[in-house]
N, C-alpha and C. Protein backbone atom coordinates (compact mmCIF):
# COMPACT_ATOMS: atom_id res chain seq x y z
N UNK A 1 -208.35 -56.86 24.76
CA UNK A 1 -208.16 -55.47 25.17
C UNK A 1 -206.70 -55.05 25.00
N UNK A 2 -205.81 -55.91 25.40
CA UNK A 2 -204.40 -55.58 25.24
C UNK A 2 -204.03 -55.48 23.77
N UNK A 3 -204.59 -56.28 22.95
CA UNK A 3 -204.34 -56.25 21.52
C UNK A 3 -204.82 -54.96 20.91
N UNK A 4 -206.04 -54.53 21.35
CA UNK A 4 -206.55 -53.25 20.87
C UNK A 4 -205.64 -52.10 21.28
N UNK A 5 -205.13 -52.18 22.48
CA UNK A 5 -204.22 -51.13 22.95
C UNK A 5 -202.94 -51.13 22.10
N UNK A 6 -202.45 -52.30 21.79
CA UNK A 6 -201.26 -52.38 20.95
C UNK A 6 -201.54 -51.83 19.56
N UNK A 7 -202.73 -52.15 19.04
CA UNK A 7 -203.09 -51.63 17.72
C UNK A 7 -203.22 -50.11 17.76
N UNK A 8 -203.84 -49.60 18.80
CA UNK A 8 -203.96 -48.15 18.93
C UNK A 8 -202.58 -47.53 19.10
N UNK A 9 -201.76 -48.15 19.92
CA UNK A 9 -200.42 -47.64 20.15
C UNK A 9 -199.62 -47.71 18.84
N UNK A 10 -199.80 -48.80 18.13
CA UNK A 10 -199.09 -48.97 16.87
C UNK A 10 -199.51 -47.93 15.86
N UNK A 11 -200.77 -47.58 15.79
CA UNK A 11 -201.24 -46.56 14.86
C UNK A 11 -200.65 -45.21 15.17
N UNK A 12 -200.59 -44.88 16.41
CA UNK A 12 -200.06 -43.56 16.77
C UNK A 12 -198.55 -43.52 16.57
N UNK A 13 -197.86 -44.62 16.75
CA UNK A 13 -196.41 -44.69 16.54
C UNK A 13 -196.10 -44.47 15.06
N UNK A 14 -196.91 -45.09 14.19
CA UNK A 14 -196.69 -44.89 12.75
C UNK A 14 -196.84 -43.44 12.39
N UNK A 15 -197.86 -42.79 12.93
CA UNK A 15 -198.06 -41.36 12.64
C UNK A 15 -196.89 -40.55 13.19
N UNK A 16 -196.39 -40.92 14.36
CA UNK A 16 -195.24 -40.22 14.93
C UNK A 16 -194.01 -40.40 14.04
N UNK A 17 -193.82 -41.64 13.54
CA UNK A 17 -192.69 -41.89 12.64
C UNK A 17 -192.83 -41.08 11.35
N UNK A 18 -194.03 -41.00 10.83
CA UNK A 18 -194.26 -40.22 9.60
C UNK A 18 -193.96 -38.74 9.87
N UNK A 19 -194.44 -38.23 11.02
CA UNK A 19 -194.16 -36.83 11.37
C UNK A 19 -192.65 -36.60 11.52
N UNK A 20 -191.98 -37.54 12.16
CA UNK A 20 -190.53 -37.43 12.35
C UNK A 20 -189.82 -37.46 10.99
N UNK A 21 -190.26 -38.36 10.10
CA UNK A 21 -189.66 -38.45 8.76
C UNK A 21 -189.86 -37.15 8.00
N UNK A 22 -191.06 -36.56 8.10
CA UNK A 22 -191.33 -35.28 7.43
C UNK A 22 -190.44 -34.16 8.01
N UNK A 23 -190.26 -34.16 9.31
CA UNK A 23 -189.37 -33.16 9.94
C UNK A 23 -187.94 -33.33 9.46
N UNK A 24 -187.49 -34.62 9.38
CA UNK A 24 -186.14 -34.88 8.87
C UNK A 24 -186.00 -34.39 7.43
N UNK A 25 -187.02 -34.65 6.62
CA UNK A 25 -186.97 -34.20 5.22
C UNK A 25 -186.94 -32.67 5.14
N UNK A 26 -187.75 -32.00 5.94
CA UNK A 26 -187.75 -30.53 5.95
C UNK A 26 -186.38 -30.01 6.41
N UNK A 27 -185.80 -30.66 7.41
CA UNK A 27 -184.48 -30.27 7.90
C UNK A 27 -183.42 -30.50 6.84
N UNK A 28 -183.52 -31.63 6.14
CA UNK A 28 -182.56 -31.93 5.07
C UNK A 28 -182.65 -30.89 3.97
N UNK A 29 -183.89 -30.52 3.56
CA UNK A 29 -184.07 -29.51 2.52
C UNK A 29 -183.51 -28.15 2.98
N UNK A 30 -183.77 -27.83 4.26
CA UNK A 30 -183.25 -26.57 4.80
C UNK A 30 -181.72 -26.57 4.79
N UNK A 31 -181.12 -27.72 5.16
CA UNK A 31 -179.66 -27.83 5.13
C UNK A 31 -179.12 -27.66 3.71
N UNK A 32 -179.81 -28.24 2.73
CA UNK A 32 -179.40 -28.09 1.33
C UNK A 32 -179.44 -26.62 0.91
N UNK A 33 -180.54 -25.93 1.29
CA UNK A 33 -180.66 -24.50 0.94
C UNK A 33 -179.55 -23.70 1.62
N UNK A 34 -179.27 -24.00 2.89
CA UNK A 34 -178.22 -23.28 3.60
C UNK A 34 -176.85 -23.55 2.99
N UNK A 35 -176.64 -24.80 2.56
CA UNK A 35 -175.38 -25.14 1.91
C UNK A 35 -175.22 -24.38 0.60
N UNK A 36 -176.28 -24.28 -0.18
CA UNK A 36 -176.24 -23.50 -1.42
C UNK A 36 -176.00 -22.01 -1.13
N UNK A 37 -176.68 -21.49 -0.11
CA UNK A 37 -176.47 -20.10 0.29
C UNK A 37 -175.02 -19.85 0.71
N UNK A 38 -174.48 -20.80 1.47
CA UNK A 38 -173.08 -20.70 1.90
C UNK A 38 -172.13 -20.72 0.72
N UNK A 39 -172.38 -21.59 -0.26
CA UNK A 39 -171.55 -21.68 -1.45
C UNK A 39 -171.60 -20.36 -2.23
N UNK A 40 -172.82 -19.81 -2.40
CA UNK A 40 -172.97 -18.53 -3.10
C UNK A 40 -172.25 -17.41 -2.34
N UNK A 41 -172.36 -17.42 -1.02
CA UNK A 41 -171.70 -16.39 -0.20
C UNK A 41 -170.18 -16.50 -0.32
N UNK A 42 -169.64 -17.74 -0.34
CA UNK A 42 -168.19 -17.90 -0.50
C UNK A 42 -167.73 -17.42 -1.87
N UNK A 43 -168.53 -17.72 -2.91
CA UNK A 43 -168.19 -17.25 -4.26
C UNK A 43 -168.20 -15.73 -4.33
N UNK A 44 -169.23 -15.14 -3.73
CA UNK A 44 -169.32 -13.68 -3.72
C UNK A 44 -168.15 -13.08 -2.93
N UNK A 45 -167.81 -13.69 -1.81
CA UNK A 45 -166.68 -13.23 -1.01
C UNK A 45 -165.39 -13.28 -1.82
N UNK A 46 -165.18 -14.36 -2.57
CA UNK A 46 -163.98 -14.49 -3.40
C UNK A 46 -163.94 -13.39 -4.46
N UNK A 47 -165.10 -13.10 -5.08
CA UNK A 47 -165.15 -12.03 -6.09
C UNK A 47 -164.85 -10.67 -5.46
N UNK A 48 -165.45 -10.42 -4.31
CA UNK A 48 -165.25 -9.13 -3.64
C UNK A 48 -163.80 -8.98 -3.18
N UNK A 49 -163.20 -10.05 -2.68
CA UNK A 49 -161.79 -9.99 -2.27
C UNK A 49 -160.88 -9.74 -3.47
N UNK A 50 -161.19 -10.35 -4.60
CA UNK A 50 -160.39 -10.10 -5.81
C UNK A 50 -160.54 -8.64 -6.25
N UNK A 51 -161.76 -8.13 -6.18
CA UNK A 51 -161.99 -6.72 -6.54
C UNK A 51 -161.27 -5.79 -5.57
N UNK A 52 -161.30 -6.12 -4.28
CA UNK A 52 -160.61 -5.31 -3.28
C UNK A 52 -159.11 -5.30 -3.54
N UNK A 53 -158.56 -6.47 -3.88
CA UNK A 53 -157.13 -6.56 -4.15
C UNK A 53 -156.78 -5.69 -5.37
N UNK A 54 -157.61 -5.74 -6.40
CA UNK A 54 -157.37 -4.92 -7.59
C UNK A 54 -157.45 -3.43 -7.25
N UNK A 55 -158.41 -3.06 -6.42
CA UNK A 55 -158.54 -1.66 -6.01
C UNK A 55 -157.36 -1.22 -5.15
N UNK A 56 -156.85 -2.12 -4.32
CA UNK A 56 -155.67 -1.78 -3.52
C UNK A 56 -154.46 -1.53 -4.41
N UNK A 57 -154.32 -2.33 -5.46
CA UNK A 57 -153.22 -2.13 -6.41
C UNK A 57 -153.38 -0.77 -7.08
N UNK A 58 -154.62 -0.45 -7.50
CA UNK A 58 -154.86 0.86 -8.13
C UNK A 58 -154.56 1.99 -7.15
N UNK A 59 -154.95 1.82 -5.90
CA UNK A 59 -154.68 2.84 -4.88
C UNK A 59 -153.19 3.03 -4.69
N UNK A 60 -152.47 1.94 -4.65
CA UNK A 60 -151.02 2.03 -4.48
C UNK A 60 -150.39 2.77 -5.66
N UNK A 61 -150.84 2.46 -6.87
CA UNK A 61 -150.32 3.15 -8.05
C UNK A 61 -150.69 4.64 -8.01
N UNK A 62 -151.91 4.93 -7.58
CA UNK A 62 -152.35 6.32 -7.50
C UNK A 62 -151.52 7.08 -6.46
N UNK A 63 -151.27 6.45 -5.32
CA UNK A 63 -150.44 7.10 -4.30
C UNK A 63 -149.05 7.38 -4.83
N UNK A 64 -148.48 6.40 -5.53
CA UNK A 64 -147.15 6.60 -6.10
C UNK A 64 -147.16 7.73 -7.12
N UNK A 65 -148.21 7.77 -7.95
CA UNK A 65 -148.31 8.82 -8.97
C UNK A 65 -148.45 10.19 -8.31
N UNK A 66 -149.26 10.29 -7.26
CA UNK A 66 -149.41 11.56 -6.55
C UNK A 66 -148.07 11.98 -5.96
N UNK A 67 -147.34 11.04 -5.40
CA UNK A 67 -146.04 11.35 -4.82
C UNK A 67 -145.08 11.87 -5.89
N UNK A 68 -145.06 11.22 -7.05
CA UNK A 68 -144.20 11.65 -8.16
C UNK A 68 -144.60 13.06 -8.61
N UNK A 69 -145.90 13.29 -8.78
CA UNK A 69 -146.37 14.59 -9.23
C UNK A 69 -146.07 15.69 -8.21
N UNK A 70 -146.18 15.35 -6.93
CA UNK A 70 -145.86 16.36 -5.90
C UNK A 70 -144.37 16.71 -5.94
N UNK A 71 -143.52 15.71 -6.15
CA UNK A 71 -142.09 15.98 -6.26
C UNK A 71 -141.80 16.86 -7.47
N UNK A 72 -142.46 16.56 -8.59
CA UNK A 72 -142.28 17.38 -9.79
C UNK A 72 -142.73 18.81 -9.53
N UNK A 73 -143.85 18.94 -8.85
CA UNK A 73 -144.38 20.29 -8.56
C UNK A 73 -143.41 21.06 -7.67
N UNK A 74 -142.89 20.41 -6.63
CA UNK A 74 -141.95 21.10 -5.74
C UNK A 74 -140.68 21.52 -6.50
N UNK A 75 -140.20 20.63 -7.38
CA UNK A 75 -139.02 21.00 -8.18
C UNK A 75 -139.34 22.18 -9.09
N UNK A 76 -140.52 22.15 -9.72
CA UNK A 76 -140.91 23.25 -10.62
C UNK A 76 -141.07 24.55 -9.84
N UNK A 77 -141.65 24.49 -8.66
CA UNK A 77 -141.81 25.70 -7.85
C UNK A 77 -140.45 26.24 -7.41
N UNK A 78 -139.53 25.36 -7.06
CA UNK A 78 -138.19 25.80 -6.67
C UNK A 78 -137.49 26.46 -7.86
N UNK A 79 -137.63 25.86 -9.03
CA UNK A 79 -137.02 26.43 -10.24
C UNK A 79 -137.65 27.78 -10.57
N UNK A 80 -138.96 27.90 -10.41
CA UNK A 80 -139.64 29.17 -10.66
C UNK A 80 -139.14 30.24 -9.71
N UNK A 81 -139.01 29.92 -8.44
CA UNK A 81 -138.50 30.89 -7.47
C UNK A 81 -137.08 31.31 -7.81
N UNK A 82 -136.28 30.35 -8.24
CA UNK A 82 -134.90 30.64 -8.62
C UNK A 82 -134.87 31.60 -9.82
N UNK A 83 -135.69 31.33 -10.82
CA UNK A 83 -135.74 32.20 -12.01
C UNK A 83 -136.28 33.58 -11.66
N UNK A 84 -137.27 33.63 -10.77
CA UNK A 84 -137.82 34.93 -10.37
C UNK A 84 -136.78 35.74 -9.61
N UNK A 85 -135.98 35.09 -8.77
CA UNK A 85 -134.92 35.80 -8.06
C UNK A 85 -133.90 36.36 -9.05
N UNK A 86 -133.55 35.56 -10.06
CA UNK A 86 -132.62 36.04 -11.09
C UNK A 86 -133.20 37.25 -11.82
N UNK A 87 -134.47 37.15 -12.18
CA UNK A 87 -135.12 38.25 -12.88
C UNK A 87 -135.18 39.50 -12.01
N UNK A 88 -135.44 39.33 -10.73
CA UNK A 88 -135.47 40.45 -9.79
C UNK A 88 -134.10 41.11 -9.71
N UNK A 89 -133.04 40.29 -9.65
CA UNK A 89 -131.69 40.84 -9.60
C UNK A 89 -131.35 41.61 -10.86
N UNK A 90 -131.73 41.07 -12.01
CA UNK A 90 -131.50 41.77 -13.28
C UNK A 90 -132.25 43.09 -13.28
N UNK A 91 -133.51 43.05 -12.86
CA UNK A 91 -134.31 44.27 -12.83
C UNK A 91 -133.69 45.31 -11.90
N UNK A 92 -133.28 44.89 -10.69
CA UNK A 92 -132.68 45.83 -9.75
C UNK A 92 -131.38 46.39 -10.28
N UNK A 93 -130.62 45.53 -10.93
CA UNK A 93 -129.36 45.97 -11.52
C UNK A 93 -129.62 47.01 -12.60
N UNK A 94 -130.60 46.77 -13.45
CA UNK A 94 -130.93 47.73 -14.51
C UNK A 94 -131.40 49.06 -13.93
N UNK A 95 -132.16 49.03 -12.88
CA UNK A 95 -132.70 50.25 -12.29
C UNK A 95 -131.64 51.03 -11.52
N UNK A 96 -130.64 50.34 -10.98
CA UNK A 96 -129.59 51.02 -10.21
C UNK A 96 -128.58 51.72 -11.10
N UNK A 97 -128.34 51.16 -12.24
CA UNK A 97 -127.34 51.74 -13.13
C UNK A 97 -127.87 53.02 -13.76
N UNK A 98 -127.07 54.05 -13.77
CA UNK A 98 -127.53 55.30 -14.39
C UNK A 98 -127.74 55.15 -15.90
N UNK A 99 -126.95 54.35 -16.53
CA UNK A 99 -127.11 54.17 -17.97
C UNK A 99 -128.29 53.28 -18.29
N UNK A 100 -128.74 52.46 -17.25
CA UNK A 100 -129.86 51.56 -17.48
C UNK A 100 -131.12 52.30 -17.85
N UNK A 101 -131.42 53.38 -17.17
CA UNK A 101 -132.62 54.16 -17.46
C UNK A 101 -132.52 54.86 -18.81
N UNK A 102 -131.31 55.24 -19.19
CA UNK A 102 -131.13 55.92 -20.48
C UNK A 102 -131.32 54.95 -21.63
N UNK A 103 -130.88 53.70 -21.45
CA UNK A 103 -130.97 52.72 -22.54
C UNK A 103 -132.40 52.23 -22.73
N UNK A 104 -133.15 52.23 -21.65
CA UNK A 104 -134.52 51.73 -21.73
C UNK A 104 -135.46 52.87 -22.10
N UNK A 105 -136.39 52.57 -22.94
CA UNK A 105 -137.39 53.58 -23.28
C UNK A 105 -138.34 53.76 -22.11
N UNK A 106 -139.12 54.79 -22.16
CA UNK A 106 -140.09 55.08 -21.10
C UNK A 106 -141.09 53.92 -20.98
N UNK A 107 -141.52 53.40 -22.11
CA UNK A 107 -142.47 52.28 -22.14
C UNK A 107 -141.87 51.04 -21.49
N UNK A 108 -140.61 50.75 -21.81
CA UNK A 108 -139.94 49.58 -21.24
C UNK A 108 -139.79 49.72 -19.72
N UNK A 109 -139.48 50.94 -19.25
CA UNK A 109 -139.35 51.17 -17.81
C UNK A 109 -140.69 50.95 -17.11
N UNK A 110 -141.77 51.41 -17.72
CA UNK A 110 -143.08 51.23 -17.08
C UNK A 110 -143.47 49.75 -17.04
N UNK A 111 -143.15 49.02 -18.11
CA UNK A 111 -143.45 47.59 -18.13
C UNK A 111 -142.64 46.88 -17.05
N UNK A 112 -141.37 47.21 -16.93
CA UNK A 112 -140.54 46.59 -15.90
C UNK A 112 -141.04 46.95 -14.51
N UNK A 113 -141.47 48.17 -14.31
CA UNK A 113 -141.99 48.58 -13.00
C UNK A 113 -143.25 47.80 -12.66
N UNK A 114 -144.13 47.63 -13.65
CA UNK A 114 -145.35 46.86 -13.41
C UNK A 114 -145.00 45.41 -13.08
N UNK A 115 -144.07 44.84 -13.85
CA UNK A 115 -143.65 43.47 -13.57
C UNK A 115 -143.04 43.36 -12.18
N UNK A 116 -142.22 44.31 -11.83
CA UNK A 116 -141.56 44.26 -10.53
C UNK A 116 -142.57 44.39 -9.41
N UNK A 117 -143.54 45.23 -9.59
CA UNK A 117 -144.54 45.43 -8.54
C UNK A 117 -145.50 44.28 -8.41
N UNK A 118 -146.00 43.81 -9.52
CA UNK A 118 -147.04 42.77 -9.48
C UNK A 118 -146.44 41.39 -9.35
N UNK A 119 -145.55 41.03 -10.22
CA UNK A 119 -145.07 39.65 -10.31
C UNK A 119 -143.92 39.38 -9.35
N UNK A 120 -142.87 40.18 -9.46
CA UNK A 120 -141.67 39.86 -8.72
C UNK A 120 -141.77 40.23 -7.25
N UNK A 121 -142.17 41.44 -6.97
CA UNK A 121 -142.21 41.89 -5.59
C UNK A 121 -143.25 41.14 -4.77
N UNK A 122 -144.37 40.83 -5.36
CA UNK A 122 -145.46 40.21 -4.62
C UNK A 122 -145.32 38.71 -4.50
N UNK A 123 -144.54 38.09 -5.37
CA UNK A 123 -144.53 36.63 -5.36
C UNK A 123 -143.24 36.02 -4.83
N UNK A 124 -142.29 36.82 -4.39
CA UNK A 124 -141.05 36.24 -3.91
C UNK A 124 -141.11 35.84 -2.44
N UNK A 125 -142.27 35.82 -1.88
CA UNK A 125 -142.41 35.41 -0.49
C UNK A 125 -142.02 33.94 -0.37
N UNK A 126 -141.20 33.59 0.63
CA UNK A 126 -140.77 32.19 0.77
C UNK A 126 -141.94 31.29 1.12
N UNK A 127 -141.90 30.09 0.56
CA UNK A 127 -142.92 29.10 0.88
C UNK A 127 -144.25 29.33 0.19
N UNK A 128 -144.32 30.20 -0.76
CA UNK A 128 -145.60 30.46 -1.42
C UNK A 128 -145.91 29.36 -2.41
N UNK A 129 -147.16 29.31 -2.83
CA UNK A 129 -147.61 28.32 -3.80
C UNK A 129 -147.58 28.94 -5.19
N UNK A 130 -147.46 28.11 -6.18
CA UNK A 130 -147.46 28.58 -7.55
C UNK A 130 -148.78 29.28 -7.88
N UNK A 131 -148.67 30.43 -8.52
CA UNK A 131 -149.88 31.18 -8.85
C UNK A 131 -150.54 30.65 -10.12
N UNK A 132 -149.86 29.76 -10.83
CA UNK A 132 -150.43 29.25 -12.07
C UNK A 132 -151.43 28.13 -11.84
N UNK A 133 -151.45 27.58 -10.64
CA UNK A 133 -152.38 26.49 -10.34
C UNK A 133 -153.50 27.04 -9.49
N UNK A 134 -154.72 26.91 -9.98
CA UNK A 134 -155.88 27.40 -9.23
C UNK A 134 -156.27 26.35 -8.20
N UNK A 135 -155.97 26.64 -6.94
CA UNK A 135 -156.28 25.70 -5.87
C UNK A 135 -157.51 26.12 -5.09
N UNK A 136 -158.26 27.10 -5.60
CA UNK A 136 -159.43 27.55 -4.87
C UNK A 136 -160.60 26.59 -5.01
N UNK A 137 -160.59 25.78 -6.04
CA UNK A 137 -161.68 24.81 -6.26
C UNK A 137 -161.55 23.68 -5.24
N UNK A 138 -162.67 23.18 -4.82
CA UNK A 138 -162.67 22.04 -3.91
C UNK A 138 -162.69 20.77 -4.75
N UNK A 139 -161.53 20.29 -5.12
CA UNK A 139 -161.42 19.12 -5.97
C UNK A 139 -161.59 17.85 -5.16
N UNK A 140 -162.19 16.85 -5.77
CA UNK A 140 -162.31 15.55 -5.11
C UNK A 140 -160.95 14.89 -4.99
N UNK A 141 -160.02 15.29 -5.84
CA UNK A 141 -158.70 14.68 -5.83
C UNK A 141 -157.67 15.60 -5.19
N UNK A 142 -158.09 16.49 -4.35
CA UNK A 142 -157.19 17.42 -3.69
C UNK A 142 -156.15 16.65 -2.89
N UNK A 143 -154.89 17.05 -3.06
CA UNK A 143 -153.81 16.33 -2.38
C UNK A 143 -153.89 16.48 -0.87
N UNK A 144 -154.59 17.50 -0.38
CA UNK A 144 -154.71 17.65 1.08
C UNK A 144 -155.68 16.65 1.67
N UNK A 145 -156.55 16.05 0.85
CA UNK A 145 -157.52 15.09 1.34
C UNK A 145 -157.02 13.65 1.26
N UNK A 146 -155.89 13.45 0.62
CA UNK A 146 -155.40 12.10 0.39
C UNK A 146 -154.56 11.66 1.57
N UNK A 147 -154.85 10.48 2.06
CA UNK A 147 -154.08 9.93 3.17
C UNK A 147 -152.86 9.21 2.59
N UNK A 148 -151.68 9.51 3.12
CA UNK A 148 -150.47 8.87 2.65
C UNK A 148 -150.01 7.80 3.63
N UNK A 149 -150.96 7.28 4.40
CA UNK A 149 -150.66 6.25 5.38
C UNK A 149 -150.30 4.98 4.66
N UNK A 150 -149.10 4.49 4.87
CA UNK A 150 -148.62 3.30 4.16
C UNK A 150 -148.83 2.03 4.97
N UNK A 151 -149.45 2.11 6.12
CA UNK A 151 -149.58 0.91 6.96
C UNK A 151 -150.45 -0.14 6.31
N UNK A 152 -151.43 0.26 5.49
CA UNK A 152 -152.30 -0.72 4.87
C UNK A 152 -151.70 -1.33 3.61
N UNK A 153 -150.58 -0.75 3.11
CA UNK A 153 -149.95 -1.30 1.91
C UNK A 153 -149.39 -2.69 2.14
N UNK A 154 -149.03 -3.01 3.38
CA UNK A 154 -148.42 -4.30 3.66
C UNK A 154 -149.45 -5.40 3.88
N UNK A 155 -150.75 -5.05 3.95
CA UNK A 155 -151.78 -6.04 4.28
C UNK A 155 -151.90 -7.06 3.18
């Protein structure tokens, strides 16, 4: 009777060992899959970080280019205002002089009056924007939408 019990116990132990071995194998296979997934994720992370670094460099260059272009624009606007003031002074000088009206033909006086009314008189307001640039469009690259925050440049 004791021998039969040992044989029965032995049979069930073998099945338990087989089940345990199968569980270990399933766990090992799962670990292999997870290791491969981890390796692929690290590779993808490295690619994405390299792409991010390249995009940051492009962003930095774009910010610098926008800054340069804005400086050029401000210089051009200042020069335009300076030239318009000179032209206004010349026009006023011509109109004040009694001989100025005699030297100019009627057509020339009307052209100067139109210029003075439309261009010079209306555009000499301080701080105005250049009328040659159409800023009414909602551009994706509008300088008002660009953040000039430099805190992320050091990252």
